[in-house]
Protein backbone atom coordinates (compact mmCIF):
# COMPACT_ATOMS: atom_id res chain seq x y z
CA MET A 1 25.33 -16.43 25.89
CA LEU A 2 27.04 -14.48 23.24
CA LYS A 3 26.19 -16.75 20.52
CA ILE A 4 22.50 -16.54 21.28
CA ASN A 5 22.58 -12.80 21.36
CA PHE A 6 24.45 -12.55 17.92
CA VAL A 7 21.62 -15.11 16.55
CA THR A 8 19.04 -13.03 17.98
CA PHE A 9 20.45 -9.80 16.64
CA LEU A 10 20.90 -11.36 13.11
CA ALA A 11 17.33 -12.52 13.20
CA ALA A 12 15.99 -9.11 14.08
CA ILE A 13 17.97 -7.44 11.33
CA LEU A 14 16.91 -10.00 8.76
CA LEU A 15 13.15 -9.69 9.94
CA SER A 16 13.44 -6.00 9.79
CA ALA A 17 14.44 -6.17 6.05
CA TYR A 18 11.06 -8.16 5.47
CA ILE A 19 8.70 -5.85 7.40
CA PRO A 20 7.52 -3.45 4.70
CA HIS A 21 6.64 -6.47 2.40
CA ILE A 22 4.72 -8.15 5.31
CA HIS A 23 2.77 -5.19 6.28
CA GLY A 24 2.42 -3.14 3.27
CA ASP A 25 0.63 0.17 3.00
CA SER A 26 -2.89 0.57 4.28
CA PHE A 27 -5.57 3.17 5.16
CA ARG A 28 -8.79 3.39 6.94
CA CYS A 29 -12.21 3.45 5.14
CA GLY A 30 -14.73 3.88 8.27
CA ARG A 31 -14.15 0.88 10.26
CA LYS A 32 -12.18 -1.37 7.84
CA LEU A 33 -8.76 -1.28 6.31
CA VAL A 34 -7.63 -1.59 2.95
CA HIS A 35 -4.15 -3.09 2.45
CA THR A 36 -1.79 -3.42 -0.38
CA GLY A 37 -2.68 -6.52 -2.14
CA ASP A 38 -6.49 -6.28 -1.71
CA THR A 39 -8.36 -6.70 -5.18
CA ARG A 40 -9.90 -3.78 -6.97
CA ALA A 41 -13.44 -5.45 -6.01
CA GLU A 42 -12.36 -5.41 -2.25
CA LEU A 43 -11.34 -1.79 -2.42
CA LEU A 44 -14.70 -0.92 -3.99
CA ARG A 45 -16.65 -2.96 -1.34
CA VAL A 46 -14.61 -1.27 1.64
CA CYS A 47 -14.16 2.31 0.47
CA GLY A 48 -16.77 2.80 -2.32
CA GLU A 49 -16.30 4.78 -5.46
CA PRO A 50 -13.34 7.34 -5.28
CA ILE A 51 -13.94 10.84 -5.83
CA HIS A 52 -11.54 10.71 -8.81
CA LYS A 53 -9.78 8.24 -10.89
CA ASP A 54 -6.98 8.83 -13.42
CA ARG A 55 -4.17 6.84 -15.08
CA GLY A 56 -0.56 7.55 -14.94
CA ARG A 57 2.86 5.99 -14.48
CA ALA A 58 4.39 4.70 -11.22
CA GLU A 59 7.42 2.44 -10.00
CA VAL A 60 6.34 -0.87 -8.72
CA ASP A 61 7.89 -4.31 -8.26
CA VAL A 62 6.88 -6.50 -10.92
CA ASP A 63 8.17 -10.23 -10.33
CA GLY A 64 10.73 -8.67 -7.90
CA ILE A 65 12.19 -5.99 -10.54
CA ARG A 66 11.40 -2.43 -9.97
CA LYS A 67 9.64 -1.18 -13.23
CA ASN A 68 7.97 2.05 -14.24
CA VAL A 69 4.33 0.68 -15.51
CA SER A 70 0.94 2.19 -16.24
CA VAL A 71 -1.29 2.42 -13.29
CA GLU A 72 -4.67 3.78 -12.31
CA ARG A 73 -4.70 6.08 -9.24
CA TRP A 74 -7.85 6.34 -7.23
CA HIS A 75 -8.55 9.16 -5.26
CA TYR A 76 -10.31 9.09 -1.78
CA LYS A 77 -11.12 12.26 0.61
CA LYS A 78 -13.69 11.65 3.11
CA SER A 79 -14.08 15.41 3.95
CA SER A 80 -12.36 18.84 4.07
CA ARG A 81 -10.61 17.80 7.46
CA THR A 82 -9.17 14.56 6.16
CA LEU A 83 -6.18 13.90 4.17
CA GLU A 84 -6.41 12.65 0.58
CA HIS A 85 -5.38 9.17 -0.07
CA ILE A 86 -4.41 8.11 -3.34
CA VAL A 87 -4.55 4.37 -3.93
CA ILE A 88 -2.13 3.09 -6.80
CA VAL A 89 -4.02 0.23 -8.56
CA TYR A 90 -1.92 -2.32 -10.76
CA ARG A 91 -3.25 -5.27 -12.44
CA GLY A 92 -6.44 -5.33 -10.40
CA SER A 93 -4.76 -5.03 -7.09
CA VAL A 94 -3.77 -2.30 -4.68
CA GLU A 95 -0.14 -1.72 -5.09
CA LYS A 96 0.44 1.42 -2.98
CA VAL A 97 -1.18 3.96 -0.90
CA ILE A 98 0.01 7.52 -0.97
CA VAL A 99 -1.14 10.00 1.69
CA GLY A 100 -1.60 13.45 0.00
CA ASN A 101 -2.92 16.90 1.09
CA ARG A 102 -5.86 18.17 2.97
């Protein structure tokens, strides 16, 4: 019995280490969700054009190595009552979603 509990405990710890990579960032546009890994075309289809686009640098994982790279930042804000979402686009895909201010 103790062996099974230890194996379950170990599996839970290993799984929890991978959860951020499985789920990633996401945010809602209308009734649909945009997820990390979605293409730029999918982002446009689901959310439409952002209110603002700019370029900058951000820390992203490139082939398993954390690097500071040039990215696009797409700013979405549906109304004055909603939070701003900044979508980091790298190499044509959604890399990260940052929740900003109202």
